[in-house]
PDB file of N, CA and C in Angstrom:
ATOM      1  N   MET A   1      14.599  10.739   8.422  1.00  0.00           N
ATOM      2  CA  MET A   1      13.559  11.745   8.272  1.00  0.00           C
ATOM      3  C   MET A   1      12.941  11.626   6.876  1.00  0.00           C
ATOM      4  N   PRO A   2      11.604  11.580   6.787  1.00  0.00           N
ATOM      5  CA  PRO A   2      10.957  11.440   5.473  1.00  0.00           C
ATOM      6  C   PRO A   2      11.196  12.655   4.588  1.00  0.00           C
ATOM      7  N   THR A   3      11.306  12.388   3.295  1.00  0.00           N
ATOM      8  CA  THR A   3      11.455  13.474   2.331  1.00  0.00           C
ATOM      9  C   THR A   3      10.090  14.091   2.069  1.00  0.00           C
ATOM     10  N   ASP A   4      10.069  15.235   1.429  1.00  0.00           N
ATOM     11  CA  ASP A   4       8.801  15.890   1.122  1.00  0.00           C
ATOM     12  C   ASP A   4       7.870  14.996   0.310  1.00  0.00           C
ATOM     13  N   PRO A   5       8.367  14.295  -0.759  1.00  0.00           N
ATOM     14  CA  PRO A   5       7.459  13.401  -1.489  1.00  0.00           C
ATOM     15  C   PRO A   5       6.893  12.291  -0.586  1.00  0.00           C
ATOM     16  N   GLU A   6       7.712  11.771   0.335  1.00  0.00           N
ATOM     17  CA  GLU A   6       7.219  10.740   1.256  1.00  0.00           C
ATOM     18  C   GLU A   6       6.143  11.294   2.183  1.00  0.00           C
ATOM     19  N   LYS A   7       6.333  12.523   2.645  1.00  0.00           N
ATOM     20  CA  LYS A   7       5.312  13.162   3.488  1.00  0.00           C
ATOM     21  C   LYS A   7       4.002  13.288   2.722  1.00  0.00           C
ATOM     22  N   GLN A   8       4.108  13.678   1.446  1.00  0.00           N
ATOM     23  CA  GLN A   8       2.907  13.827   0.630  1.00  0.00           C
ATOM     24  C   GLN A   8       2.216  12.484   0.426  1.00  0.00           C
ATOM     25  N   ILE A   9       3.000  11.456   0.127  1.00  0.00           N
ATOM     26  CA  ILE A   9       2.430  10.110  -0.040  1.00  0.00           C
ATOM     27  C   ILE A   9       1.763   9.665   1.255  1.00  0.00           C
ATOM     28  N   PHE A  10       2.440   9.872   2.388  1.00  0.00           N
ATOM     29  CA  PHE A  10       1.893   9.508   3.683  1.00  0.00           C
ATOM     30  C   PHE A  10       0.535  10.175   3.901  1.00  0.00           C
ATOM     31  N   GLU A  11       0.475  11.473   3.656  1.00  0.00           N
ATOM     32  CA  GLU A  11      -0.785  12.207   3.845  1.00  0.00           C
ATOM     33  C   GLU A  11      -1.857  11.757   2.859  1.00  0.00           C
ATOM     34  N   ASP A  12      -1.475  11.513   1.609  1.00  0.00           N
ATOM     35  CA  ASP A  12      -2.441  11.043   0.607  1.00  0.00           C
ATOM     36  C   ASP A  12      -3.035   9.696   1.013  1.00  0.00           C
ATOM     37  N   VAL A  13      -2.175   8.781   1.447  1.00  0.00           N
ATOM     38  CA  VAL A  13      -2.647   7.450   1.852  1.00  0.00           C
ATOM     39  C   VAL A  13      -3.509   7.561   3.106  1.00  0.00           C
ATOM     40  N   ARG A  14      -3.084   8.383   4.046  1.00  0.00           N
ATOM     41  CA  ARG A  14      -3.872   8.575   5.268  1.00  0.00           C
ATOM     42  C   ARG A  14      -5.277   9.074   4.949  1.00  0.00           C
ATOM     43  N   ARG A  15      -5.371  10.042   4.048  1.00  0.00           N
ATOM     44  CA  ARG A  15      -6.692  10.565   3.640  1.00  0.00           C
ATOM     45  C   ARG A  15      -7.512   9.500   2.908  1.00  0.00           C
ATOM     46  N   LEU A  16      -6.842   8.723   2.065  1.00  0.00           N
ATOM     47  CA  LEU A  16      -7.522   7.675   1.301  1.00  0.00           C
ATOM     48  C   LEU A  16      -8.128   6.618   2.228  1.00  0.00           C
ATOM     49  N   LEU A  17      -7.391   6.249   3.265  1.00  0.00           N
ATOM     50  CA  LEU A  17      -7.847   5.187   4.167  1.00  0.00           C
ATOM     51  C   LEU A  17      -8.719   5.687   5.323  1.00  0.00           C
ATOM     52  N   ALA A  18      -8.744   6.984   5.565  1.00  0.00           N
ATOM     53  CA  ALA A  18      -9.486   7.549   6.695  1.00  0.00           C
ATOM     54  C   ALA A  18     -10.944   7.097   6.764  1.00  0.00           C
ATOM     55  N   PRO A  19     -11.679   7.054   5.650  1.00  0.00           N
ATOM     56  CA  PRO A  19     -13.077   6.619   5.747  1.00  0.00           C
ATOM     57  C   PRO A  19     -13.240   5.166   6.217  1.00  0.00           C
ATOM     58  N   LEU A  20     -12.212   4.348   6.036  1.00  0.00           N
ATOM     59  CA  LEU A  20     -12.315   2.940   6.438  1.00  0.00           C
ATOM     60  C   LEU A  20     -12.207   2.766   7.942  1.00  0.00           C
ATOM     61  N   LYS A  21     -11.586   3.701   8.631  1.00  0.00           N
ATOM     62  CA  LYS A  21     -11.476   3.773  10.086  1.00  0.00           C
ATOM     63  C   LYS A  21     -10.791   2.592  10.759  1.00  0.00           C
ATOM     64  N   ARG A  22     -10.512   1.528  10.047  1.00  0.00           N
ATOM     65  CA  ARG A  22      -9.843   0.380  10.647  1.00  0.00           C
ATOM     66  C   ARG A  22      -8.341   0.403  10.410  1.00  0.00           C
ATOM     67  N   TYR A  23      -7.889   1.312   9.558  1.00  0.00           N
ATOM     68  CA  TYR A  23      -6.479   1.366   9.203  1.00  0.00           C
ATOM     69  C   TYR A  23      -5.832   2.640   9.734  1.00  0.00           C
ATOM     70  N   LYS A  24      -4.639   2.475  10.303  1.00  0.00           N
ATOM     71  CA  LYS A  24      -3.823   3.623  10.691  1.00  0.00           C
ATOM     72  C   LYS A  24      -2.506   3.484   9.935  1.00  0.00           C
ATOM     73  N   VAL A  25      -2.163   4.502   9.186  1.00  0.00           N
ATOM     74  CA  VAL A  25      -0.924   4.470   8.416  1.00  0.00           C
ATOM     75  C   VAL A  25       0.238   4.716   9.379  1.00  0.00           C
ATOM     76  N   GLU A  26       1.178   3.750   9.416  1.00  0.00           N
ATOM     77  CA  GLU A  26       2.335   3.860  10.293  1.00  0.00           C
ATOM     78  C   GLU A  26       3.483   4.575   9.597  1.00  0.00           C
ATOM     79  N   ARG A  27       3.845   4.106   8.397  1.00  0.00           N
ATOM     80  CA  ARG A  27       4.945   4.741   7.666  1.00  0.00           C
ATOM     81  C   ARG A  27       5.010   4.219   6.234  1.00  0.00           C
ATOM     82  N   ILE A  28       5.735   4.936   5.407  1.00  0.00           N
ATOM     83  CA  ILE A  28       5.984   4.535   4.029  1.00  0.00           C
ATOM     84  C   ILE A  28       7.127   3.527   4.050  1.00  0.00           C
ATOM     85  N   LEU A  29       6.919   2.355   3.454  1.00  0.00           N
ATOM     86  CA  LEU A  29       7.986   1.360   3.356  1.00  0.00           C
ATOM     87  C   LEU A  29       8.812   1.560   2.097  1.00  0.00           C
ATOM     88  N   GLY A  30       8.172   2.036   1.043  1.00  0.00           N
ATOM     89  CA  GLY A  30       8.882   2.275  -0.204  1.00  0.00           C
ATOM     90  C   GLY A  30       7.948   2.867  -1.234  1.00  0.00           C
ATOM     91  N   ASN A  31       8.517   3.501  -2.229  1.00  0.00           N
ATOM     92  CA  ASN A  31       7.700   4.014  -3.331  1.00  0.00           C
ATOM     93  C   ASN A  31       8.552   4.075  -4.583  1.00  0.00           C
ATOM     94  N   GLY A  32       7.871   4.010  -5.694  1.00  0.00           N
ATOM     95  CA  GLY A  32       8.536   4.030  -6.981  1.00  0.00           C
ATOM     96  C   GLY A  32       7.569   4.485  -8.046  1.00  0.00           C
ATOM     97  N   ALA A  33       7.931   4.244  -9.282  1.00  0.00           N
ATOM     98  CA  ALA A  33       7.120   4.709 -10.403  1.00  0.00           C
ATOM     99  C   ALA A  33       5.735   4.062 -10.430  1.00  0.00           C
ATOM    100  N   MET A  34       5.651   2.783 -10.050  1.00  0.00           N
ATOM    101  CA  MET A  34       4.378   2.061 -10.118  1.00  0.00           C
ATOM    102  C   MET A  34       3.444   2.365  -8.943  1.00  0.00           C
ATOM    103  N   GLY A  35       4.001   2.800  -7.818  1.00  0.00           N
ATOM    104  CA  GLY A  35       3.157   3.062  -6.668  1.00  0.00           C
ATOM    105  C   GLY A  35       3.941   3.087  -5.376  1.00  0.00           C
ATOM    106  N   SER A  36       3.262   2.805  -4.276  1.00  0.00           N
ATOM    107  CA  SER A  36       3.866   2.881  -2.950  1.00  0.00           C
ATOM    108  C   SER A  36       3.465   1.669  -2.120  1.00  0.00           C
ATOM    109  N   VAL A  37       4.326   1.356  -1.161  1.00  0.00           N
ATOM    110  CA  VAL A  37       4.015   0.323  -0.170  1.00  0.00           C
ATOM    111  C   VAL A  37       4.071   1.006   1.186  1.00  0.00           C
ATOM    112  N   VAL A  38       2.995   0.872   1.939  1.00  0.00           N
ATOM    113  CA  VAL A  38       2.915   1.515   3.250  1.00  0.00           C
ATOM    114  C   VAL A  38       2.647   0.460   4.317  1.00  0.00           C
ATOM    115  N   LEU A  39       3.155   0.724   5.506  1.00  0.00           N
ATOM    116  CA  LEU A  39       2.880  -0.116   6.651  1.00  0.00           C
ATOM    117  C   LEU A  39       1.651   0.461   7.332  1.00  0.00           C
ATOM    118  N   VAL A  40       0.622  -0.358   7.465  1.00  0.00           N
ATOM    119  CA  VAL A  40      -0.613   0.076   8.117  1.00  0.00           C
ATOM    120  C   VAL A  40      -0.906  -0.847   9.289  1.00  0.00           C
ATOM    121  N   ARG A  41      -1.648  -0.321  10.246  1.00  0.00           N
ATOM    122  CA  ARG A  41      -2.105  -1.124  11.372  1.00  0.00           C
ATOM    123  C   ARG A  41      -3.627  -1.236  11.263  1.00  0.00           C
ATOM    124  N   HIS A  42      -4.090  -2.463  11.094  1.00  0.00           N
ATOM    125  CA  HIS A  42      -5.521  -2.737  11.035  1.00  0.00           C
ATOM    126  C   HIS A  42      -6.001  -2.943  12.465  1.00  0.00           C
ATOM    127  N   SER A  43      -7.157  -2.442  12.791  1.00  0.00           N
ATOM    128  CA  SER A  43      -7.648  -2.500  14.173  1.00  0.00           C
ATOM    129  C   SER A  43      -7.827  -3.922  14.693  1.00  0.00           C
ATOM    130  N   GLU A  44      -8.067  -4.883  13.818  1.00  0.00           N
ATOM    131  CA  GLU A  44      -8.250  -6.270  14.254  1.00  0.00           C
ATOM    132  C   GLU A  44      -7.128  -7.198  13.799  1.00  0.00           C
ATOM    133  N   LEU A  45      -6.491  -6.895  12.672  1.00  0.00           N
ATOM    134  CA  LEU A  45      -5.509  -7.797  12.085  1.00  0.00           C
ATOM    135  C   LEU A  45      -4.061  -7.420  12.376  1.00  0.00           C
ATOM    136  N   GLY A  46      -3.832  -6.266  12.972  1.00  0.00           N
ATOM    137  CA  GLY A  46      -2.471  -5.834  13.282  1.00  0.00           C
ATOM    138  C   GLY A  46      -1.764  -5.238  12.082  1.00  0.00           C
ATOM    139  N   LEU A  47      -0.439  -5.351  12.095  1.00  0.00           N
ATOM    140  CA  LEU A  47       0.366  -4.740  11.032  1.00  0.00           C
ATOM    141  C   LEU A  47       0.181  -5.451   9.705  1.00  0.00           C
ATOM    142  N   ARG A  48       0.095  -4.654   8.659  1.00  0.00           N
ATOM    143  CA  ARG A  48      -0.032  -5.155   7.295  1.00  0.00           C
ATOM    144  C   ARG A  48       0.720  -4.221   6.367  1.00  0.00           C
ATOM    145  N   ALA A  49       1.285  -4.779   5.303  1.00  0.00           N
ATOM    146  CA  ALA A  49       1.871  -3.962   4.247  1.00  0.00           C
ATOM    147  C   ALA A  49       0.795  -3.801   3.176  1.00  0.00           C
ATOM    148  N   LEU A  50       0.608  -2.595   2.733  1.00  0.00           N
ATOM    149  CA  LEU A  50      -0.421  -2.289   1.746  1.00  0.00           C
ATOM    150  C   LEU A  50       0.248  -1.650   0.543  1.00  0.00           C
ATOM    151  N   LYS A  51       0.075  -2.275  -0.618  1.00  0.00           N
ATOM    152  CA  LYS A  51       0.667  -1.737  -1.851  1.00  0.00           C
ATOM    153  C   LYS A  51      -0.419  -1.020  -2.644  1.00  0.00           C
ATOM    154  N   LEU A  52      -0.103   0.178  -3.036  1.00  0.00           N
ATOM    155  CA  LEU A  52      -1.046   1.008  -3.784  1.00  0.00           C
ATOM    156  C   LEU A  52      -0.443   1.333  -5.139  1.00  0.00           C
ATOM    157  N   ILE A  53      -1.213   1.112  -6.189  1.00  0.00           N
ATOM    158  CA  ILE A  53      -0.743   1.402  -7.538  1.00  0.00           C
ATOM    159  C   ILE A  53      -1.041   2.868  -7.872  1.00  0.00           C
ATOM    160  N   ASN A  54      -0.124   3.472  -8.590  1.00  0.00           N
ATOM    161  CA  ASN A  54      -0.296   4.840  -9.053  1.00  0.00           C
ATOM    162  C   ASN A  54      -1.528   4.900  -9.964  1.00  0.00           C
ATOM    163  N   ALA A  55      -2.388   5.866  -9.740  1.00  0.00           N
ATOM    164  CA  ALA A  55      -3.644   5.978 -10.496  1.00  0.00           C
ATOM    165  C   ALA A  55      -3.423   6.044 -12.003  1.00  0.00           C
ATOM    166  N   ASN A  56      -2.300   6.591 -12.442  1.00  0.00           N
ATOM    167  CA  ASN A  56      -2.016   6.671 -13.883  1.00  0.00           C
ATOM    168  C   ASN A  56      -1.928   5.287 -14.520  1.00  0.00           C
ATOM    169  N   TYR A  57      -1.508   4.296 -13.759  1.00  0.00           N
ATOM    170  CA  TYR A  57      -1.338   2.944 -14.295  1.00  0.00           C
ATOM    171  C   TYR A  57      -2.652   2.164 -14.352  1.00  0.00           C
ATOM    172  N   LEU A  58      -3.669   2.656 -13.700  1.00  0.00           N
ATOM    173  CA  LEU A  58      -4.962   1.970 -13.740  1.00  0.00           C
ATOM    174  C   LEU A  58      -5.581   2.021 -15.130  1.00  0.00           C
ATOM    175  N   LYS A  59      -5.117   2.936 -15.955  1.00  0.00           N
ATOM    176  CA  LYS A  59      -5.635   3.064 -17.319  1.00  0.00           C
ATOM    177  C   LYS A  59      -5.144   1.947 -18.227  1.00  0.00           C
ATOM    178  N   SER A  60      -4.060   1.286 -17.843  1.00  0.00           N
ATOM    179  CA  SER A  60      -3.480   0.213 -18.653  1.00  0.00           C
ATOM    180  C   SER A  60      -4.005  -1.137 -18.180  1.00  0.00           C
ATOM    181  N   ASP A  61      -4.727  -1.842 -19.060  1.00  0.00           N
ATOM    182  CA  ASP A  61      -5.235  -3.170 -18.700  1.00  0.00           C
ATOM    183  C   ASP A  61      -4.102  -4.127 -18.349  1.00  0.00           C
ATOM    184  N   THR A  62      -3.001  -4.046 -19.079  1.00  0.00           N
ATOM    185  CA  THR A  62      -1.857  -4.934 -18.833  1.00  0.00           C
ATOM    186  C   THR A  62      -1.277  -4.706 -17.442  1.00  0.00           C
ATOM    187  N   LEU A  63      -1.042  -3.455 -17.092  1.00  0.00           N
ATOM    188  CA  LEU A  63      -0.455  -3.153 -15.782  1.00  0.00           C
ATOM    189  C   LEU A  63      -1.428  -3.447 -14.646  1.00  0.00           C
ATOM    190  N   ARG A  64      -2.702  -3.201 -14.878  1.00  0.00           N
ATOM    191  CA  ARG A  64      -3.713  -3.502 -13.849  1.00  0.00           C
ATOM    192  C   ARG A  64      -3.775  -5.005 -13.608  1.00  0.00           C
ATOM    193  N   ARG A  65      -3.728  -5.806 -14.676  1.00  0.00           N
ATOM    194  CA  ARG A  65      -3.733  -7.271 -14.529  1.00  0.00           C
ATOM    195  C   ARG A  65      -2.478  -7.747 -13.801  1.00  0.00           C
ATOM    196  N   ARG A  66      -1.332  -7.159 -14.143  1.00  0.00           N
ATOM    197  CA  ARG A  66      -0.072  -7.522 -13.482  1.00  0.00           C
ATOM    198  C   ARG A  66      -0.147  -7.218 -11.980  1.00  0.00           C
ATOM    199  N   PHE A  67      -0.700  -6.065 -11.640  1.00  0.00           N
ATOM    200  CA  PHE A  67      -0.847  -5.673 -10.238  1.00  0.00           C
ATOM    201  C   PHE A  67      -1.760  -6.657  -9.495  1.00  0.00           C
ATOM    202  N   LEU A  68      -2.885  -7.012 -10.107  1.00  0.00           N
ATOM    203  CA  LEU A  68      -3.815  -7.954  -9.473  1.00  0.00           C
ATOM    204  C   LEU A  68      -3.215  -9.349  -9.350  1.00  0.00           C
ATOM    205  N   LYS A  69      -2.444  -9.770 -10.355  1.00  0.00           N
ATOM    206  CA  LYS A  69      -1.780 -11.070 -10.287  1.00  0.00           C
ATOM    207  C   LYS A  69      -0.806 -11.100  -9.109  1.00  0.00           C
ATOM    208  N   GLU A  70      -0.034 -10.038  -8.970  1.00  0.00           N
ATOM    209  CA  GLU A  70       0.886  -9.942  -7.845  1.00  0.00           C
ATOM    210  C   GLU A  70       0.137  -9.958  -6.513  1.00  0.00           C
ATOM    211  N   ALA A  71      -0.964  -9.233  -6.434  1.00  0.00           N
ATOM    212  CA  ALA A  71      -1.756  -9.189  -5.198  1.00  0.00           C
ATOM    213  C   ALA A  71      -2.272 -10.577  -4.826  1.00  0.00           C
ATOM    214  N   HIS A  72      -2.737 -11.332  -5.803  1.00  0.00           N
ATOM    215  CA  HIS A  72      -3.225 -12.694  -5.530  1.00  0.00           C
ATOM    216  C   HIS A  72      -2.090 -13.595  -5.049  1.00  0.00           C
ATOM    217  N   MET A  73      -0.915 -13.459  -5.657  1.00  0.00           N
ATOM    218  CA  MET A  73       0.230 -14.268  -5.218  1.00  0.00           C
ATOM    219  C   MET A  73       0.640 -13.895  -3.796  1.00  0.00           C
ATOM    220  N   MET A  74       0.692 -12.616  -3.496  1.00  0.00           N
ATOM    221  CA  MET A  74       1.098 -12.163  -2.165  1.00  0.00           C
ATOM    222  C   MET A  74       0.086 -12.597  -1.099  1.00  0.00           C
ATOM    223  N   ALA A  75      -1.177 -12.636  -1.454  1.00  0.00           N
ATOM    224  CA  ALA A  75      -2.207 -13.031  -0.492  1.00  0.00           C
ATOM    225  C   ALA A  75      -2.057 -14.489  -0.064  1.00  0.00           C
ATOM    226  N   ARG A  76      -1.420 -15.293  -0.906  1.00  0.00           N
ATOM    227  CA  ARG A  76      -1.233 -16.709  -0.573  1.00  0.00           C
ATOM    228  C   ARG A  76      -0.002 -16.969   0.289  1.00  0.00           C
ATOM    229  N   LEU A  77       0.899 -15.999   0.381  1.00  0.00           N
ATOM    230  CA  LEU A  77       2.119 -16.181   1.157  1.00  0.00           C
ATOM    231  C   LEU A  77       1.832 -16.167   2.655  1.00  0.00           C
ATOM    232  N   ARG A  78       2.482 -17.046   3.368  1.00  0.00           N
ATOM    233  CA  ARG A  78       2.341 -17.098   4.827  1.00  0.00           C
ATOM    234  C   ARG A  78       3.740 -17.232   5.433  1.00  0.00           C
ATOM    235  N   GLY A  79       3.946 -16.598   6.541  1.00  0.00           N
ATOM    236  CA  GLY A  79       5.217 -16.701   7.239  1.00  0.00           C
ATOM    237  C   GLY A  79       5.277 -15.702   8.373  1.00  0.00           C
ATOM    238  N   ARG A  80       6.019 -16.043   9.392  1.00  0.00           N
ATOM    239  CA  ARG A  80       6.066 -15.164  10.561  1.00  0.00           C
ATOM    240  C   ARG A  80       6.838 -13.880  10.290  1.00  0.00           C
ATOM    241  N   HIS A  81       7.612 -13.840   9.228  1.00  0.00           N
ATOM    242  CA  HIS A  81       8.376 -12.634   8.898  1.00  0.00           C
ATOM    243  C   HIS A  81       7.684 -11.788   7.835  1.00  0.00           C
ATOM    244  N   LEU A  82       6.473 -12.118   7.503  1.00  0.00           N
ATOM    245  CA  LEU A  82       5.704 -11.383   6.508  1.00  0.00           C
ATOM    246  C   LEU A  82       4.615 -10.580   7.210  1.00  0.00           C
ATOM    247  N   VAL A  83       4.357  -9.381   6.699  1.00  0.00           N
ATOM    248  CA  VAL A  83       3.259  -8.584   7.231  1.00  0.00           C
ATOM    249  C   VAL A  83       2.211  -8.424   6.177  1.00  0.00           C
TER     250      VAL A  83
END
């Protein structure tokens, strides 16, 4: 059963993605100080893991660059066990 903070994150992410209409938030995969990872279902691409950085960290150029570097590396990964 999700904890109250997880419910809040779930609702926040659902509201954030609602205008895009192609994403349905399935569940929270994990969260921590830097942000959250959620399982989403894209209407055409199927299941995807989506990592969201905490807005407080966007103020730091170093952390924003680190997040983008990680995103670029993850985008290159391929495998049947990856979402």
